[in-house]
């Protein structure tokens, strides 16, 4: 079984530019206020649908506030059959300071 990898914002940005799926597990109001452009919000209610519809081999980057909760979520995705999963070190807070122009508002992209 493979394991997820912890990556810095720079590597996440490279993966994003190559078409990786970015999933944000922060609470819905925080996600709506500001998130990585093109990311998708996931919570306990939407994760099953996401998994059913996902390409399990597509690179997937999990984002939380500071890079802690995303590790558990990344491990969960690996356990569900995903093969190329990453946890964003420093979370959205580090992303926001590294790539402020690569953020968006709203509930959907």
C-alpha atoms as a PDB file:
ATOM      1  CA  UNK A   1       0.000   0.000   0.000  1.00  0.00           C
ATOM      2  CA  UNK A   2       1.330   3.418  -0.863  1.00  0.00           C
ATOM      3  CA  UNK A   3       1.468   6.327   1.534  1.00  0.00           C
ATOM      4  CA  UNK A   4       0.735  10.005   1.100  1.00  0.00           C
ATOM      5  CA  UNK A   5       3.561  12.505   0.788  1.00  0.00           C
ATOM      6  CA  UNK A   6       3.925  15.830   2.606  1.00  0.00           C
ATOM      7  CA  UNK A   7       4.835  18.620   0.199  1.00  0.00           C
ATOM      8  CA  UNK A   8       5.513  22.386   0.383  1.00  0.00           C
ATOM      9  CA  UNK A   9       3.367  24.948  -1.479  1.00  0.00           C
ATOM     10  CA  UNK A  10       5.882  25.171  -4.332  1.00  0.00           C
ATOM     11  CA  UNK A  11       5.535  21.478  -5.146  1.00  0.00           C
ATOM     12  CA  UNK A  12       1.758  21.669  -4.733  1.00  0.00           C
ATOM     13  CA  UNK A  13       1.679  24.562  -7.213  1.00  0.00           C
ATOM     14  CA  UNK A  14       3.671  22.511  -9.739  1.00  0.00           C
ATOM     15  CA  UNK A  15       1.255  19.589  -9.343  1.00  0.00           C
ATOM     16  CA  UNK A  16      -1.705  21.974  -9.615  1.00  0.00           C
ATOM     17  CA  UNK A  17      -0.334  23.373 -12.873  1.00  0.00           C
ATOM     18  CA  UNK A  18      -0.070  19.784 -14.135  1.00  0.00           C
ATOM     19  CA  UNK A  19      -3.744  19.135 -13.374  1.00  0.00           C
ATOM     20  CA  UNK A  20      -3.688  17.674  -9.863  1.00  0.00           C
ATOM     21  CA  UNK A  21      -6.953  17.651  -7.932  1.00  0.00           C
ATOM     22  CA  UNK A  22      -6.852  20.038  -4.948  1.00  0.00           C
ATOM     23  CA  UNK A  23      -9.261  19.215  -2.109  1.00  0.00           C
ATOM     24  CA  UNK A  24      -9.818  21.533   0.843  1.00  0.00           C
ATOM     25  CA  UNK A  25     -11.126  20.040   4.092  1.00  0.00           C
ATOM     26  CA  UNK A  26     -11.515  23.260   6.077  1.00  0.00           C
ATOM     27  CA  UNK A  27     -15.006  24.247   7.224  1.00  0.00           C
ATOM     28  CA  UNK A  28     -17.425  25.461   4.501  1.00  0.00           C
ATOM     29  CA  UNK A  29     -17.536  29.116   5.631  1.00  0.00           C
ATOM     30  CA  UNK A  30     -13.750  29.387   5.713  1.00  0.00           C
ATOM     31  CA  UNK A  31     -13.488  27.717   2.298  1.00  0.00           C
ATOM     32  CA  UNK A  32     -16.082  30.132   0.861  1.00  0.00           C
ATOM     33  CA  UNK A  33     -14.194  33.122   2.280  1.00  0.00           C
ATOM     34  CA  UNK A  34     -10.907  32.169   0.562  1.00  0.00           C
ATOM     35  CA  UNK A  35      -9.377  29.028  -0.943  1.00  0.00           C
ATOM     36  CA  UNK A  36      -6.875  27.853  -3.538  1.00  0.00           C
ATOM     37  CA  UNK A  37      -8.198  28.683  -7.001  1.00  0.00           C
ATOM     38  CA  UNK A  38      -9.696  25.577  -8.577  1.00  0.00           C
ATOM     39  CA  UNK A  39      -9.857  23.595  -5.346  1.00  0.00           C
ATOM     40  CA  UNK A  40     -12.849  21.560  -4.281  1.00  0.00           C
ATOM     41  CA  UNK A  41     -14.332  21.578  -0.801  1.00  0.00           C
ATOM     42  CA  UNK A  42     -14.686  18.177   0.880  1.00  0.00           C
ATOM     43  CA  UNK A  43     -16.388  17.331   4.135  1.00  0.00           C
ATOM     44  CA  UNK A  44     -17.867  14.253   5.773  1.00  0.00           C
ATOM     45  CA  UNK A  45     -21.004  14.625   3.639  1.00  0.00           C
ATOM     46  CA  UNK A  46     -19.321  14.984   0.240  1.00  0.00           C
ATOM     47  CA  UNK A  47     -16.301  12.704   0.553  1.00  0.00           C
ATOM     48  CA  UNK A  48     -18.126   9.494  -0.431  1.00  0.00           C
ATOM     49  CA  UNK A  49     -19.422  11.059  -3.670  1.00  0.00           C
ATOM     50  CA  UNK A  50     -15.971  12.482  -4.362  1.00  0.00           C
ATOM     51  CA  UNK A  51     -14.362   9.059  -3.933  1.00  0.00           C
ATOM     52  CA  UNK A  52     -16.953   7.345  -6.167  1.00  0.00           C
ATOM     53  CA  UNK A  53     -16.404   9.844  -8.989  1.00  0.00           C
ATOM     54  CA  UNK A  54     -12.631  10.282  -8.615  1.00  0.00           C
ATOM     55  CA  UNK A  55      -9.796   9.026 -10.756  1.00  0.00           C
ATOM     56  CA  UNK A  56      -7.962   7.110  -8.022  1.00  0.00           C
ATOM     57  CA  UNK A  57      -4.648   7.485  -9.865  1.00  0.00           C
ATOM     58  CA  UNK A  58      -4.881  11.260 -10.353  1.00  0.00           C
ATOM     59  CA  UNK A  59      -2.522  13.323  -8.190  1.00  0.00           C
ATOM     60  CA  UNK A  60      -4.598  14.643  -5.271  1.00  0.00           C
ATOM     61  CA  UNK A  61      -3.438  17.358  -2.863  1.00  0.00           C
ATOM     62  CA  UNK A  62      -5.270  17.682   0.475  1.00  0.00           C
ATOM     63  CA  UNK A  63      -5.361  21.125   2.113  1.00  0.00           C
ATOM     64  CA  UNK A  64      -6.394  22.133   5.641  1.00  0.00           C
ATOM     65  CA  UNK A  65      -5.606  25.155   7.820  1.00  0.00           C
ATOM     66  CA  UNK A  66      -1.976  24.456   8.796  1.00  0.00           C
ATOM     67  CA  UNK A  67      -1.105  21.021   7.392  1.00  0.00           C
ATOM     68  CA  UNK A  68      -2.131  18.785  10.291  1.00  0.00           C
ATOM     69  CA  UNK A  69      -5.689  17.577   9.575  1.00  0.00           C
ATOM     70  CA  UNK A  70      -4.819  17.110   5.916  1.00  0.00           C
ATOM     71  CA  UNK A  71      -2.452  14.287   6.866  1.00  0.00           C
ATOM     72  CA  UNK A  72      -5.298  12.221   8.333  1.00  0.00           C
ATOM     73  CA  UNK A  73      -7.497  12.979   5.323  1.00  0.00           C
ATOM     74  CA  UNK A  74      -4.684  12.065   2.919  1.00  0.00           C
ATOM     75  CA  UNK A  75      -4.157   8.766   4.745  1.00  0.00           C
ATOM     76  CA  UNK A  76      -7.897   8.106   4.483  1.00  0.00           C
ATOM     77  CA  UNK A  77      -7.864   8.684   0.713  1.00  0.00           C
ATOM     78  CA  UNK A  78      -4.941   6.252   0.394  1.00  0.00           C
ATOM     79  CA  UNK A  79      -6.974   3.695   2.372  1.00  0.00           C
ATOM     80  CA  UNK A  80      -9.828   4.174  -0.120  1.00  0.00           C
ATOM     81  CA  UNK A  81      -7.636   3.260  -3.093  1.00  0.00           C
ATOM     82  CA  UNK A  82      -6.079   6.574  -4.128  1.00  0.00           C
ATOM     83  CA  UNK A  83      -2.497   6.056  -5.281  1.00  0.00           C
ATOM     84  CA  UNK A  84      -0.972   9.551  -5.572  1.00  0.00           C
ATOM     85  CA  UNK A  85      -1.955  11.663  -2.543  1.00  0.00           C
ATOM     86  CA  UNK A  86      -0.210  14.657  -0.988  1.00  0.00           C
ATOM     87  CA  UNK A  87      -0.727  16.694   2.184  1.00  0.00           C
ATOM     88  CA  UNK A  88       0.101  20.399   1.866  1.00  0.00           C
ATOM     89  CA  UNK A  89       2.665  21.283   4.536  1.00  0.00           C
ATOM     90  CA  UNK A  90       1.753  24.573   6.176  1.00  0.00           C
ATOM     91  CA  UNK A  91      -1.794  24.237   4.858  1.00  0.00           C
ATOM     92  CA  UNK A  92      -3.810  27.034   3.335  1.00  0.00           C
ATOM     93  CA  UNK A  93      -2.219  29.606   5.629  1.00  0.00           C
ATOM     94  CA  UNK A  94       1.234  29.026   4.123  1.00  0.00           C
ATOM     95  CA  UNK A  95      -0.237  28.765   0.606  1.00  0.00           C
ATOM     96  CA  UNK A  96      -1.991  32.126   1.037  1.00  0.00           C
ATOM     97  CA  UNK A  97       1.248  33.886   1.948  1.00  0.00           C
ATOM     98  CA  UNK A  98       3.240  32.079  -0.769  1.00  0.00           C
ATOM     99  CA  UNK A  99       0.717  32.439  -3.636  1.00  0.00           C
ATOM    100  CA  UNK A 100      -1.719  35.228  -2.710  1.00  0.00           C
ATOM    101  CA  UNK A 101      -2.809  35.661  -6.346  1.00  0.00           C
ATOM    102  CA  UNK A 102      -3.742  31.961  -6.567  1.00  0.00           C
ATOM    103  CA  UNK A 103      -6.729  32.188  -4.238  1.00  0.00           C
ATOM    104  CA  UNK A 104     -10.444  32.636  -4.853  1.00  0.00           C
ATOM    105  CA  UNK A 105     -13.684  33.332  -2.981  1.00  0.00           C
ATOM    106  CA  UNK A 106     -17.058  31.594  -3.195  1.00  0.00           C
ATOM    107  CA  UNK A 107     -18.404  28.145  -2.601  1.00  0.00           C
ATOM    108  CA  UNK A 108     -17.676  26.718  -6.084  1.00  0.00           C
ATOM    109  CA  UNK A 109     -14.994  27.126  -8.698  1.00  0.00           C
END
